[in-house]
N, C-alpha and C. Protein backbone atom coordinates (compact mmCIF):
# COMPACT_ATOMS: atom_id res chain seq x y z
N MET A 1 -2.32 47.07 -5.79
CA MET A 1 -1.36 46.04 -6.19
C MET A 1 -1.21 46.05 -7.71
N SER A 2 0.01 45.91 -8.20
CA SER A 2 0.25 45.93 -9.63
C SER A 2 -0.33 44.70 -10.31
N SER A 3 -0.50 44.82 -11.64
CA SER A 3 -1.05 43.70 -12.40
C SER A 3 -0.11 42.51 -12.36
N LYS A 4 1.21 42.76 -12.32
CA LYS A 4 2.17 41.65 -12.24
C LYS A 4 2.02 40.91 -10.92
N ALA A 5 1.78 41.68 -9.86
CA ALA A 5 1.61 41.06 -8.55
C ALA A 5 0.36 40.20 -8.53
N LYS A 6 -0.71 40.69 -9.13
CA LYS A 6 -1.95 39.91 -9.17
C LYS A 6 -1.76 38.62 -9.96
N ILE A 7 -1.04 38.70 -11.06
CA ILE A 7 -0.80 37.50 -11.87
C ILE A 7 0.03 36.49 -11.09
N PHE A 8 1.02 37.01 -10.34
CA PHE A 8 1.85 36.12 -9.53
C PHE A 8 1.02 35.40 -8.47
N LEU A 9 0.16 36.14 -7.80
CA LEU A 9 -0.66 35.55 -6.74
C LEU A 9 -1.62 34.52 -7.32
N ALA A 10 -2.19 34.82 -8.48
CA ALA A 10 -3.10 33.87 -9.11
C ALA A 10 -2.36 32.58 -9.45
N SER A 11 -1.15 32.70 -9.98
CA SER A 11 -0.36 31.52 -10.31
C SER A 11 0.00 30.73 -9.07
N LEU A 12 0.35 31.45 -7.99
CA LEU A 12 0.69 30.80 -6.73
C LEU A 12 -0.48 30.03 -6.17
N THR A 13 -1.66 30.62 -6.26
CA THR A 13 -2.87 29.95 -5.76
C THR A 13 -3.11 28.65 -6.51
N VAL A 14 -2.98 28.69 -7.83
CA VAL A 14 -3.17 27.48 -8.65
C VAL A 14 -2.15 26.42 -8.27
N ALA A 15 -0.91 26.85 -8.04
CA ALA A 15 0.14 25.89 -7.68
C ALA A 15 -0.14 25.24 -6.34
N VAL A 16 -0.62 26.04 -5.37
CA VAL A 16 -0.94 25.50 -4.05
C VAL A 16 -2.04 24.47 -4.15
N VAL A 17 -3.10 24.78 -4.86
CA VAL A 17 -4.23 23.85 -5.01
C VAL A 17 -3.78 22.58 -5.71
N ALA A 18 -3.02 22.73 -6.78
CA ALA A 18 -2.54 21.56 -7.53
C ALA A 18 -1.67 20.68 -6.66
N ALA A 19 -0.80 21.29 -5.87
CA ALA A 19 0.08 20.51 -4.99
C ALA A 19 -0.71 19.73 -3.97
N CYS A 20 -1.73 20.36 -3.40
CA CYS A 20 -2.56 19.67 -2.40
C CYS A 20 -3.25 18.47 -3.01
N VAL A 21 -3.79 18.64 -4.20
CA VAL A 21 -4.50 17.53 -4.87
C VAL A 21 -3.54 16.41 -5.16
N THR A 22 -2.31 16.76 -5.65
CA THR A 22 -1.32 15.73 -5.96
C THR A 22 -0.95 14.93 -4.72
N ILE A 23 -0.74 15.62 -3.61
CA ILE A 23 -0.38 14.94 -2.37
C ILE A 23 -1.49 13.99 -1.94
N ASN A 24 -2.73 14.40 -2.06
CA ASN A 24 -3.85 13.60 -1.57
C ASN A 24 -4.04 12.30 -2.35
N VAL A 25 -3.73 12.28 -3.65
CA VAL A 25 -4.03 11.10 -4.44
C VAL A 25 -2.82 10.18 -4.60
N TYR A 26 -1.67 10.59 -4.13
CA TYR A 26 -0.44 9.82 -4.32
C TYR A 26 -0.47 8.52 -3.53
N PHE A 27 -0.18 7.40 -4.22
CA PHE A 27 -0.06 6.11 -3.54
C PHE A 27 1.42 5.75 -3.46
N PRO A 28 1.98 5.69 -2.25
CA PRO A 28 3.41 5.43 -2.08
C PRO A 28 3.74 3.95 -2.28
N GLU A 29 3.96 3.56 -3.51
CA GLU A 29 4.11 2.15 -3.86
C GLU A 29 5.31 1.49 -3.18
N ALA A 30 6.45 2.19 -3.15
CA ALA A 30 7.64 1.60 -2.54
C ALA A 30 7.42 1.34 -1.05
N ALA A 31 6.80 2.30 -0.36
CA ALA A 31 6.51 2.12 1.06
C ALA A 31 5.50 1.00 1.26
N ALA A 32 4.54 0.90 0.35
CA ALA A 32 3.52 -0.15 0.44
C ALA A 32 4.17 -1.53 0.26
N GLU A 33 5.14 -1.62 -0.61
CA GLU A 33 5.83 -2.91 -0.82
C GLU A 33 6.60 -3.31 0.43
N ARG A 34 7.25 -2.34 1.05
CA ARG A 34 7.99 -2.65 2.28
C ARG A 34 7.04 -3.10 3.39
N ALA A 35 5.90 -2.42 3.50
CA ALA A 35 4.92 -2.79 4.52
C ALA A 35 4.35 -4.18 4.22
N ALA A 36 4.07 -4.44 2.94
CA ALA A 36 3.54 -5.76 2.56
C ALA A 36 4.54 -6.86 2.87
N ASP A 37 5.81 -6.61 2.57
CA ASP A 37 6.85 -7.61 2.88
C ASP A 37 6.89 -7.90 4.37
N ARG A 38 6.84 -6.86 5.18
CA ARG A 38 6.90 -7.06 6.63
C ARG A 38 5.70 -7.88 7.11
N PHE A 39 4.52 -7.53 6.63
CA PHE A 39 3.31 -8.25 7.02
C PHE A 39 3.40 -9.71 6.57
N ILE A 40 3.75 -9.93 5.32
CA ILE A 40 3.79 -11.28 4.74
C ILE A 40 4.84 -12.14 5.43
N GLN A 41 5.99 -11.58 5.70
CA GLN A 41 7.04 -12.35 6.37
C GLN A 41 6.63 -12.74 7.78
N ASP A 42 5.86 -11.88 8.44
CA ASP A 42 5.32 -12.25 9.75
C ASP A 42 4.34 -13.41 9.63
N VAL A 43 3.53 -13.40 8.58
CA VAL A 43 2.54 -14.46 8.38
C VAL A 43 3.22 -15.77 8.00
N LEU A 44 4.16 -15.70 7.08
CA LEU A 44 4.80 -16.92 6.58
C LEU A 44 5.93 -17.42 7.49
N GLY A 45 6.36 -16.56 8.41
CA GLY A 45 7.45 -16.96 9.29
C GLY A 45 8.79 -17.01 8.59
N GLU A 46 8.95 -16.17 7.56
CA GLU A 46 10.18 -16.15 6.79
C GLU A 46 11.06 -14.99 7.25
N ALA A 47 12.38 -15.14 7.01
CA ALA A 47 13.31 -14.06 7.32
C ALA A 47 13.09 -12.92 6.35
N PRO A 48 13.24 -11.70 6.80
CA PRO A 48 13.02 -10.55 5.91
C PRO A 48 14.06 -10.48 4.81
N ASN A 49 13.63 -9.96 3.65
CA ASN A 49 14.55 -9.72 2.55
C ASN A 49 15.32 -8.43 2.82
N PRO A 50 16.55 -8.30 2.28
CA PRO A 50 17.31 -7.06 2.47
C PRO A 50 16.53 -5.89 1.91
N ASP A 51 16.56 -4.79 2.62
CA ASP A 51 15.84 -3.59 2.18
C ASP A 51 16.72 -2.84 1.18
N ASN A 52 16.15 -2.60 0.00
CA ASN A 52 16.90 -1.89 -1.02
C ASN A 52 17.12 -0.43 -0.66
N GLY A 53 16.27 0.09 0.24
CA GLY A 53 16.45 1.45 0.70
C GLY A 53 16.15 2.50 -0.34
N ASP A 54 15.23 2.18 -1.26
CA ASP A 54 14.87 3.17 -2.27
C ASP A 54 14.13 4.31 -1.62
N THR A 55 14.53 5.50 -1.90
CA THR A 55 13.85 6.66 -1.36
C THR A 55 13.63 7.67 -2.46
N ASP A 56 12.57 8.41 -2.31
CA ASP A 56 12.27 9.48 -3.24
C ASP A 56 12.22 10.76 -2.47
N ALA A 57 12.87 11.76 -3.01
CA ALA A 57 12.84 13.07 -2.35
C ALA A 57 12.51 14.12 -3.37
N ASN A 58 11.56 14.98 -3.04
CA ASN A 58 11.16 16.06 -3.92
C ASN A 58 11.29 17.36 -3.17
N ASP A 59 12.06 18.28 -3.72
CA ASP A 59 12.23 19.59 -3.11
C ASP A 59 11.58 20.61 -4.02
N ASP A 60 10.57 21.29 -3.48
CA ASP A 60 9.88 22.33 -4.22
C ASP A 60 10.24 23.67 -3.64
N SER A 61 10.58 24.60 -4.48
CA SER A 61 10.91 25.93 -3.99
C SER A 61 10.39 26.97 -4.95
N VAL A 62 10.09 28.11 -4.43
CA VAL A 62 9.67 29.25 -5.25
C VAL A 62 10.68 30.35 -5.02
N ASN A 63 11.40 30.68 -6.09
CA ASN A 63 12.42 31.70 -6.00
C ASN A 63 11.93 32.97 -6.67
N GLY A 64 12.17 34.05 -6.02
CA GLY A 64 11.76 35.32 -6.62
C GLY A 64 12.69 36.42 -6.18
N ASN A 65 12.66 37.43 -6.91
CA ASN A 65 13.48 38.58 -6.58
C ASN A 65 12.66 39.52 -5.74
N SER A 66 12.89 39.49 -4.42
CA SER A 66 12.06 40.26 -3.51
C SER A 66 12.22 41.76 -3.74
N ALA A 67 13.34 42.11 -4.27
CA ALA A 67 13.56 43.53 -4.50
C ALA A 67 12.60 44.08 -5.54
N GLN A 68 12.13 43.22 -6.42
CA GLN A 68 11.24 43.65 -7.49
C GLN A 68 9.77 43.49 -7.12
N MET A 69 9.48 42.91 -5.98
CA MET A 69 8.10 42.74 -5.54
C MET A 69 7.67 43.94 -4.72
N ASP A 70 6.49 44.43 -4.96
CA ASP A 70 6.03 45.51 -4.11
C ASP A 70 5.57 44.95 -2.78
N SER A 71 5.43 45.78 -1.78
CA SER A 71 5.10 45.33 -0.43
C SER A 71 3.76 44.61 -0.38
N GLY A 72 2.82 45.03 -1.23
CA GLY A 72 1.52 44.36 -1.26
C GLY A 72 1.64 42.92 -1.68
N LEU A 73 2.49 42.62 -2.66
CA LEU A 73 2.71 41.25 -3.13
C LEU A 73 3.32 40.39 -2.03
N VAL A 74 4.31 40.94 -1.32
CA VAL A 74 4.96 40.19 -0.26
C VAL A 74 3.95 39.83 0.83
N ASN A 75 3.16 40.81 1.25
CA ASN A 75 2.18 40.55 2.31
C ASN A 75 1.12 39.55 1.87
N ALA A 76 0.64 39.70 0.63
CA ALA A 76 -0.39 38.80 0.14
C ALA A 76 0.13 37.39 0.00
N ALA A 77 1.35 37.26 -0.51
CA ALA A 77 1.95 35.92 -0.67
C ALA A 77 2.13 35.25 0.68
N ALA A 78 2.61 36.03 1.68
CA ALA A 78 2.80 35.48 3.02
C ALA A 78 1.49 35.01 3.61
N SER A 79 0.44 35.80 3.39
CA SER A 79 -0.87 35.44 3.92
C SER A 79 -1.40 34.17 3.28
N LEU A 80 -1.23 34.07 1.96
CA LEU A 80 -1.71 32.89 1.25
C LEU A 80 -0.98 31.64 1.71
N LEU A 81 0.35 31.72 1.85
CA LEU A 81 1.12 30.56 2.29
C LEU A 81 0.77 30.17 3.72
N ALA A 82 0.50 31.16 4.56
CA ALA A 82 0.12 30.86 5.94
C ALA A 82 -1.20 30.10 5.97
N ARG A 83 -2.16 30.56 5.16
CA ARG A 83 -3.45 29.87 5.12
C ARG A 83 -3.31 28.47 4.54
N ALA A 84 -2.41 28.32 3.56
CA ALA A 84 -2.24 27.02 2.92
C ALA A 84 -1.42 26.06 3.75
N GLY A 85 -0.69 26.61 4.73
CA GLY A 85 0.21 25.76 5.52
C GLY A 85 -0.47 24.59 6.16
N GLY A 86 -1.62 24.83 6.76
CA GLY A 86 -2.36 23.75 7.41
C GLY A 86 -2.78 22.68 6.44
N VAL A 87 -3.15 23.11 5.23
CA VAL A 87 -3.56 22.14 4.21
C VAL A 87 -2.40 21.28 3.80
N PHE A 88 -1.23 21.91 3.58
CA PHE A 88 -0.06 21.14 3.19
C PHE A 88 0.33 20.13 4.26
N ILE A 89 0.30 20.58 5.52
CA ILE A 89 0.71 19.69 6.61
C ILE A 89 -0.22 18.50 6.72
N SER A 90 -1.53 18.73 6.71
CA SER A 90 -2.48 17.62 6.86
C SER A 90 -2.44 16.71 5.66
N SER A 91 -2.29 17.28 4.46
CA SER A 91 -2.26 16.46 3.25
C SER A 91 -0.99 15.64 3.20
N ALA A 92 0.13 16.26 3.54
CA ALA A 92 1.39 15.52 3.52
C ALA A 92 1.37 14.39 4.53
N HIS A 93 0.74 14.63 5.69
CA HIS A 93 0.62 13.57 6.70
C HIS A 93 -0.20 12.41 6.16
N ALA A 94 -1.28 12.71 5.45
CA ALA A 94 -2.13 11.66 4.91
C ALA A 94 -1.40 10.84 3.88
N ALA A 95 -0.42 11.44 3.18
CA ALA A 95 0.32 10.72 2.15
C ALA A 95 1.74 10.45 2.62
N SER A 96 1.90 10.19 3.89
CA SER A 96 3.19 9.91 4.46
C SER A 96 3.85 8.75 3.74
N PRO A 97 5.20 8.78 3.59
CA PRO A 97 5.89 7.68 2.91
C PRO A 97 5.87 6.39 3.70
N ASP A 98 5.37 6.39 4.92
CA ASP A 98 5.22 5.18 5.72
C ASP A 98 3.78 4.69 5.64
N ILE A 99 3.61 3.39 5.48
CA ILE A 99 2.28 2.79 5.47
C ILE A 99 2.04 2.14 6.83
N ASN A 100 0.97 2.53 7.46
CA ASN A 100 0.64 2.02 8.79
C ASN A 100 -0.03 0.65 8.69
N ILE A 101 0.61 -0.37 9.26
CA ILE A 101 0.01 -1.71 9.30
C ILE A 101 -0.01 -2.22 10.74
N ASP A 102 0.02 -1.29 11.69
CA ASP A 102 0.15 -1.69 13.09
C ASP A 102 -1.08 -1.37 13.95
N THR A 103 -2.23 -1.27 13.33
CA THR A 103 -3.44 -1.05 14.12
C THR A 103 -3.87 -2.35 14.78
N PRO A 104 -4.65 -2.29 15.85
CA PRO A 104 -5.13 -3.52 16.51
C PRO A 104 -5.91 -4.43 15.55
N GLN A 105 -6.70 -3.83 14.66
CA GLN A 105 -7.48 -4.63 13.73
C GLN A 105 -6.58 -5.41 12.77
N ILE A 106 -5.57 -4.72 12.23
CA ILE A 106 -4.65 -5.38 11.31
C ILE A 106 -3.84 -6.44 12.03
N GLN A 107 -3.39 -6.14 13.24
CA GLN A 107 -2.62 -7.11 14.01
C GLN A 107 -3.43 -8.36 14.30
N SER A 108 -4.71 -8.19 14.62
CA SER A 108 -5.57 -9.34 14.91
C SER A 108 -5.71 -10.23 13.68
N ILE A 109 -5.89 -9.62 12.51
CA ILE A 109 -6.00 -10.40 11.27
C ILE A 109 -4.69 -11.13 10.99
N LYS A 110 -3.58 -10.42 11.17
CA LYS A 110 -2.27 -11.03 10.91
C LYS A 110 -2.03 -12.23 11.82
N ASP A 111 -2.40 -12.11 13.08
CA ASP A 111 -2.21 -13.22 14.02
C ASP A 111 -3.01 -14.45 13.57
N ARG A 112 -4.24 -14.24 13.13
CA ARG A 112 -5.05 -15.37 12.65
C ARG A 112 -4.41 -16.01 11.43
N MET A 113 -3.96 -15.19 10.51
CA MET A 113 -3.36 -15.71 9.28
C MET A 113 -2.07 -16.46 9.57
N ALA A 114 -1.26 -15.93 10.49
CA ALA A 114 0.00 -16.61 10.83
C ALA A 114 -0.26 -17.97 11.47
N ALA A 115 -1.25 -18.03 12.36
CA ALA A 115 -1.58 -19.31 13.00
C ALA A 115 -2.13 -20.30 11.97
N ARG A 116 -2.97 -19.82 11.09
CA ARG A 116 -3.55 -20.69 10.06
C ARG A 116 -2.47 -21.22 9.13
N HIS A 117 -1.55 -20.35 8.77
CA HIS A 117 -0.46 -20.79 7.89
C HIS A 117 0.41 -21.83 8.58
N ARG A 118 0.79 -21.53 9.80
CA ARG A 118 1.69 -22.41 10.54
C ARG A 118 1.06 -23.78 10.80
N GLU A 119 -0.21 -23.78 11.16
CA GLU A 119 -0.86 -25.03 11.59
C GLU A 119 -1.48 -25.82 10.44
N HIS A 120 -1.80 -25.15 9.33
CA HIS A 120 -2.55 -25.85 8.28
C HIS A 120 -2.04 -25.62 6.86
N LEU A 121 -1.87 -24.36 6.45
CA LEU A 121 -1.69 -24.08 5.03
C LEU A 121 -0.29 -24.33 4.51
N ALA A 122 0.72 -24.20 5.34
CA ALA A 122 2.10 -24.34 4.87
C ALA A 122 2.32 -25.67 4.15
N GLY A 123 1.81 -26.73 4.73
CA GLY A 123 1.99 -28.05 4.12
C GLY A 123 1.31 -28.17 2.77
N TRP A 124 0.15 -27.53 2.63
CA TRP A 124 -0.58 -27.58 1.36
C TRP A 124 0.15 -26.78 0.28
N TYR A 125 0.79 -25.67 0.68
CA TYR A 125 1.63 -24.94 -0.29
C TYR A 125 2.78 -25.82 -0.74
N ASP A 126 3.43 -26.48 0.22
CA ASP A 126 4.57 -27.33 -0.10
C ASP A 126 4.20 -28.45 -1.05
N GLU A 127 2.99 -28.98 -0.91
CA GLU A 127 2.55 -30.08 -1.76
C GLU A 127 1.98 -29.60 -3.09
N GLY A 128 1.87 -28.29 -3.26
CA GLY A 128 1.35 -27.76 -4.53
C GLY A 128 -0.14 -27.83 -4.66
N VAL A 129 -0.82 -28.10 -3.57
CA VAL A 129 -2.29 -28.22 -3.62
C VAL A 129 -2.95 -26.85 -3.72
N ILE A 130 -2.39 -25.85 -3.03
CA ILE A 130 -2.93 -24.50 -3.08
C ILE A 130 -1.84 -23.54 -3.55
N GLY A 131 -2.27 -22.37 -4.01
CA GLY A 131 -1.30 -21.38 -4.47
C GLY A 131 -1.87 -19.98 -4.38
N PHE A 132 -1.02 -19.02 -4.66
CA PHE A 132 -1.41 -17.62 -4.62
C PHE A 132 -2.05 -17.21 -5.94
N THR A 133 -3.18 -16.54 -5.86
CA THR A 133 -3.84 -16.07 -7.08
C THR A 133 -3.29 -14.70 -7.47
N ARG A 134 -3.62 -14.27 -8.68
CA ARG A 134 -3.11 -12.99 -9.18
C ARG A 134 -3.78 -11.80 -8.51
N ASN A 135 -4.87 -12.03 -7.78
CA ASN A 135 -5.55 -10.92 -7.09
C ASN A 135 -5.33 -10.96 -5.57
N GLY A 136 -4.24 -11.59 -5.14
CA GLY A 136 -3.85 -11.54 -3.74
C GLY A 136 -4.59 -12.49 -2.83
N LEU A 137 -5.23 -13.51 -3.39
CA LEU A 137 -5.95 -14.49 -2.57
C LEU A 137 -5.28 -15.85 -2.68
N VAL A 138 -5.96 -16.89 -2.18
CA VAL A 138 -5.46 -18.27 -2.22
C VAL A 138 -6.52 -19.13 -2.90
N GLU A 139 -6.07 -20.11 -3.64
CA GLU A 139 -7.02 -20.98 -4.35
C GLU A 139 -6.51 -22.42 -4.32
N ILE A 140 -7.45 -23.35 -4.28
CA ILE A 140 -7.09 -24.77 -4.39
C ILE A 140 -6.87 -25.07 -5.87
N ARG A 141 -5.67 -25.46 -6.23
CA ARG A 141 -5.36 -25.68 -7.64
C ARG A 141 -5.39 -27.17 -8.02
N ASP A 142 -5.37 -28.07 -7.04
CA ASP A 142 -5.36 -29.51 -7.34
C ASP A 142 -6.19 -30.26 -6.30
N ARG A 143 -7.51 -30.24 -6.51
CA ARG A 143 -8.39 -30.93 -5.57
C ARG A 143 -8.19 -32.44 -5.55
N SER A 144 -7.73 -32.99 -6.66
CA SER A 144 -7.54 -34.44 -6.73
C SER A 144 -6.46 -34.92 -5.78
N ALA A 145 -5.57 -34.01 -5.35
CA ALA A 145 -4.50 -34.38 -4.43
C ALA A 145 -4.94 -34.32 -2.98
N VAL A 146 -6.19 -33.93 -2.74
CA VAL A 146 -6.69 -33.79 -1.38
C VAL A 146 -7.62 -34.97 -1.07
N PRO A 147 -7.33 -35.75 -0.05
CA PRO A 147 -8.23 -36.85 0.32
C PRO A 147 -9.64 -36.31 0.59
N LEU A 148 -10.64 -37.09 0.23
CA LEU A 148 -12.03 -36.64 0.40
C LEU A 148 -12.32 -36.23 1.84
N ALA A 149 -11.74 -36.94 2.79
CA ALA A 149 -12.00 -36.65 4.19
C ALA A 149 -11.46 -35.28 4.62
N GLU A 150 -10.48 -34.78 3.87
CA GLU A 150 -9.87 -33.50 4.23
C GLU A 150 -10.30 -32.35 3.32
N ARG A 151 -10.99 -32.67 2.26
CA ARG A 151 -11.29 -31.64 1.26
C ARG A 151 -12.17 -30.53 1.80
N ARG A 152 -13.19 -30.89 2.53
CA ARG A 152 -14.10 -29.87 3.05
C ARG A 152 -13.38 -28.96 4.04
N ASN A 153 -12.52 -29.55 4.86
CA ASN A 153 -11.78 -28.74 5.83
C ASN A 153 -10.84 -27.78 5.13
N LEU A 154 -10.18 -28.23 4.05
CA LEU A 154 -9.28 -27.35 3.30
C LEU A 154 -10.07 -26.22 2.64
N GLU A 155 -11.23 -26.55 2.11
CA GLU A 155 -12.07 -25.50 1.51
C GLU A 155 -12.45 -24.45 2.54
N ARG A 156 -12.74 -24.88 3.75
CA ARG A 156 -13.07 -23.93 4.82
C ARG A 156 -11.87 -23.07 5.16
N LEU A 157 -10.70 -23.68 5.27
CA LEU A 157 -9.49 -22.93 5.59
C LEU A 157 -9.18 -21.88 4.52
N VAL A 158 -9.31 -22.26 3.27
CA VAL A 158 -9.04 -21.33 2.17
C VAL A 158 -10.05 -20.19 2.19
N SER A 159 -11.30 -20.51 2.46
CA SER A 159 -12.34 -19.47 2.54
C SER A 159 -12.04 -18.49 3.67
N GLU A 160 -11.63 -19.00 4.82
CA GLU A 160 -11.29 -18.14 5.95
C GLU A 160 -10.06 -17.29 5.63
N GLU A 161 -9.09 -17.90 4.97
CA GLU A 161 -7.88 -17.15 4.60
C GLU A 161 -8.23 -15.99 3.65
N ASN A 162 -9.05 -16.27 2.66
CA ASN A 162 -9.42 -15.23 1.70
C ASN A 162 -10.26 -14.14 2.35
N SER A 163 -11.08 -14.51 3.29
CA SER A 163 -11.87 -13.52 4.02
C SER A 163 -10.94 -12.58 4.79
N ASP A 164 -9.92 -13.14 5.43
CA ASP A 164 -8.97 -12.31 6.17
C ASP A 164 -8.13 -11.46 5.23
N ARG A 165 -7.74 -12.00 4.09
CA ARG A 165 -6.95 -11.21 3.14
C ARG A 165 -7.77 -10.02 2.61
N ASN A 166 -8.99 -10.27 2.23
CA ASN A 166 -9.84 -9.17 1.76
C ASN A 166 -9.99 -8.12 2.85
N ALA A 167 -10.15 -8.58 4.08
CA ALA A 167 -10.33 -7.65 5.20
C ALA A 167 -9.08 -6.83 5.45
N VAL A 168 -7.91 -7.45 5.37
CA VAL A 168 -6.68 -6.72 5.69
C VAL A 168 -6.35 -5.70 4.62
N TYR A 169 -6.64 -5.99 3.36
CA TYR A 169 -6.39 -4.99 2.31
C TYR A 169 -7.27 -3.76 2.56
N ARG A 170 -8.50 -4.02 2.93
CA ARG A 170 -9.42 -2.91 3.22
C ARG A 170 -8.97 -2.14 4.47
N GLU A 171 -8.57 -2.87 5.52
CA GLU A 171 -8.18 -2.23 6.77
C GLU A 171 -6.92 -1.38 6.60
N ILE A 172 -5.98 -1.85 5.79
CA ILE A 172 -4.75 -1.07 5.58
C ILE A 172 -5.07 0.24 4.88
N ALA A 173 -5.94 0.19 3.88
CA ALA A 173 -6.32 1.42 3.18
C ALA A 173 -7.02 2.38 4.13
N VAL A 174 -7.92 1.86 4.94
CA VAL A 174 -8.66 2.71 5.88
C VAL A 174 -7.73 3.26 6.96
N ALA A 175 -6.82 2.43 7.46
CA ALA A 175 -5.90 2.86 8.51
C ALA A 175 -5.01 4.00 8.06
N ASN A 176 -4.79 4.10 6.75
CA ASN A 176 -3.96 5.16 6.21
C ASN A 176 -4.77 6.31 5.62
N ASN A 177 -6.07 6.34 6.01
CA ASN A 177 -6.97 7.44 5.64
C ASN A 177 -7.20 7.58 4.14
N HIS A 178 -7.05 6.46 3.43
CA HIS A 178 -7.30 6.46 1.99
C HIS A 178 -8.03 5.17 1.60
N PRO A 179 -9.33 5.08 1.87
CA PRO A 179 -10.07 3.87 1.49
C PRO A 179 -9.97 3.56 0.00
N GLU A 180 -9.76 4.61 -0.81
CA GLU A 180 -9.68 4.40 -2.26
C GLU A 180 -8.40 3.67 -2.66
N TRP A 181 -7.47 3.48 -1.72
CA TRP A 181 -6.23 2.77 -2.02
C TRP A 181 -6.40 1.25 -1.93
N GLU A 182 -7.56 0.76 -1.60
CA GLU A 182 -7.72 -0.68 -1.36
C GLU A 182 -7.24 -1.52 -2.55
N SER A 183 -7.61 -1.13 -3.76
CA SER A 183 -7.19 -1.92 -4.93
C SER A 183 -5.68 -1.84 -5.12
N ASP A 184 -5.06 -0.69 -4.82
CA ASP A 184 -3.61 -0.56 -4.92
C ASP A 184 -2.92 -1.44 -3.87
N VAL A 185 -3.48 -1.45 -2.67
CA VAL A 185 -2.92 -2.31 -1.61
C VAL A 185 -3.01 -3.77 -2.03
N ARG A 186 -4.14 -4.16 -2.57
CA ARG A 186 -4.34 -5.56 -3.02
C ARG A 186 -3.32 -5.93 -4.09
N GLU A 187 -3.15 -5.05 -5.08
CA GLU A 187 -2.20 -5.34 -6.15
C GLU A 187 -0.77 -5.46 -5.62
N THR A 188 -0.43 -4.59 -4.69
CA THR A 188 0.91 -4.64 -4.10
C THR A 188 1.11 -5.94 -3.34
N PHE A 189 0.14 -6.32 -2.52
CA PHE A 189 0.25 -7.57 -1.77
C PHE A 189 0.29 -8.78 -2.71
N ALA A 190 -0.48 -8.75 -3.79
CA ALA A 190 -0.49 -9.87 -4.73
C ALA A 190 0.92 -10.13 -5.26
N ARG A 191 1.64 -9.05 -5.58
CA ARG A 191 3.02 -9.21 -6.05
C ARG A 191 3.94 -9.72 -4.96
N GLN A 192 3.77 -9.17 -3.75
CA GLN A 192 4.70 -9.49 -2.68
C GLN A 192 4.46 -10.89 -2.08
N TRP A 193 3.23 -11.39 -2.15
CA TRP A 193 3.01 -12.79 -1.74
C TRP A 193 3.89 -13.71 -2.58
N VAL A 194 3.92 -13.45 -3.88
CA VAL A 194 4.73 -14.28 -4.79
C VAL A 194 6.21 -14.05 -4.52
N SER A 195 6.60 -12.79 -4.32
CA SER A 195 8.00 -12.47 -4.08
C SER A 195 8.53 -13.18 -2.83
N ASN A 196 7.68 -13.33 -1.82
CA ASN A 196 8.09 -13.95 -0.56
C ASN A 196 7.79 -15.44 -0.48
N ALA A 197 7.21 -16.01 -1.53
CA ALA A 197 6.88 -17.43 -1.53
C ALA A 197 8.14 -18.29 -1.57
N ARG A 198 8.06 -19.46 -1.00
CA ARG A 198 9.19 -20.38 -1.05
C ARG A 198 9.32 -20.99 -2.44
N SER A 199 10.52 -21.42 -2.74
CA SER A 199 10.76 -22.12 -4.00
C SER A 199 9.88 -23.38 -4.06
N GLY A 200 9.21 -23.59 -5.18
CA GLY A 200 8.35 -24.75 -5.34
C GLY A 200 6.88 -24.45 -5.14
N TRP A 201 6.55 -23.32 -4.52
CA TRP A 201 5.15 -22.96 -4.34
C TRP A 201 4.56 -22.48 -5.66
N TYR A 202 3.24 -22.55 -5.75
CA TYR A 202 2.55 -22.17 -6.99
C TYR A 202 1.91 -20.79 -6.86
N TYR A 203 1.85 -20.12 -7.99
CA TYR A 203 1.21 -18.81 -8.06
C TYR A 203 0.63 -18.63 -9.47
N GLN A 204 -0.30 -17.73 -9.60
CA GLN A 204 -0.87 -17.41 -10.91
C GLN A 204 -0.12 -16.25 -11.54
N ASP A 205 0.15 -16.37 -12.85
CA ASP A 205 0.75 -15.25 -13.55
C ASP A 205 -0.35 -14.26 -13.93
N SER A 206 0.00 -13.21 -14.66
CA SER A 206 -0.97 -12.17 -15.00
C SER A 206 -2.13 -12.68 -15.85
N GLY A 207 -1.92 -13.82 -16.52
CA GLY A 207 -2.98 -14.41 -17.33
C GLY A 207 -3.83 -15.43 -16.59
N GLY A 208 -3.54 -15.65 -15.30
CA GLY A 208 -4.29 -16.60 -14.51
C GLY A 208 -3.80 -18.02 -14.63
N ASN A 209 -2.64 -18.22 -15.24
CA ASN A 209 -2.07 -19.57 -15.39
C ASN A 209 -1.18 -19.89 -14.20
N TRP A 210 -1.22 -21.14 -13.76
CA TRP A 210 -0.42 -21.54 -12.61
C TRP A 210 1.03 -21.73 -13.01
N GLN A 211 1.91 -21.16 -12.20
CA GLN A 211 3.36 -21.30 -12.39
C GLN A 211 3.96 -21.76 -11.06
N GLN A 212 5.08 -22.46 -11.16
CA GLN A 212 5.78 -22.89 -9.96
C GLN A 212 7.03 -22.03 -9.76
N LYS A 213 7.19 -21.52 -8.57
CA LYS A 213 8.31 -20.63 -8.32
C LYS A 213 9.61 -21.43 -8.24
């Protein structure tokens, strides 16, 4: 094989490895936001927001003049791509633009959260007693507005809600074969809880200060 062919194959190998690594670490933020909106709207019982339909498409191609390649280069390149094919397919599947939030575990958590919101928390949001924190949880912001007889029960409800939220962020990352995405999932949900909140509800800004939507 000529020296040019060897250089080409070496470059191709580096490109294949780099592409695989890039695919594996990519967090699909737009898809995560859509999934978060769907989950949150189910919990809050709100109508879905219009989908902006943002899509990203990347087309990668390698163009070469086959007439100038010797037969050894063609065969070697074909062999390398064939071996890499399985890696590309599995990696691309792991970084699919769709975020899976439909596992039984996630559905069970969502059902609990929806029932808790409907039966207990919605009224407290409306009264400004509780609000969304900047890290995707719920906090009591005005204990003085809660009668003593109800305060302990509200604290329990908030604790249960936060336990479920922490669990669902972890479960979504695991369900999509990327446990390391948990913090990204949490950050995405933190934004979307506020985005889907009703007018008048409270949330924390990036500095931890309470704001009213």
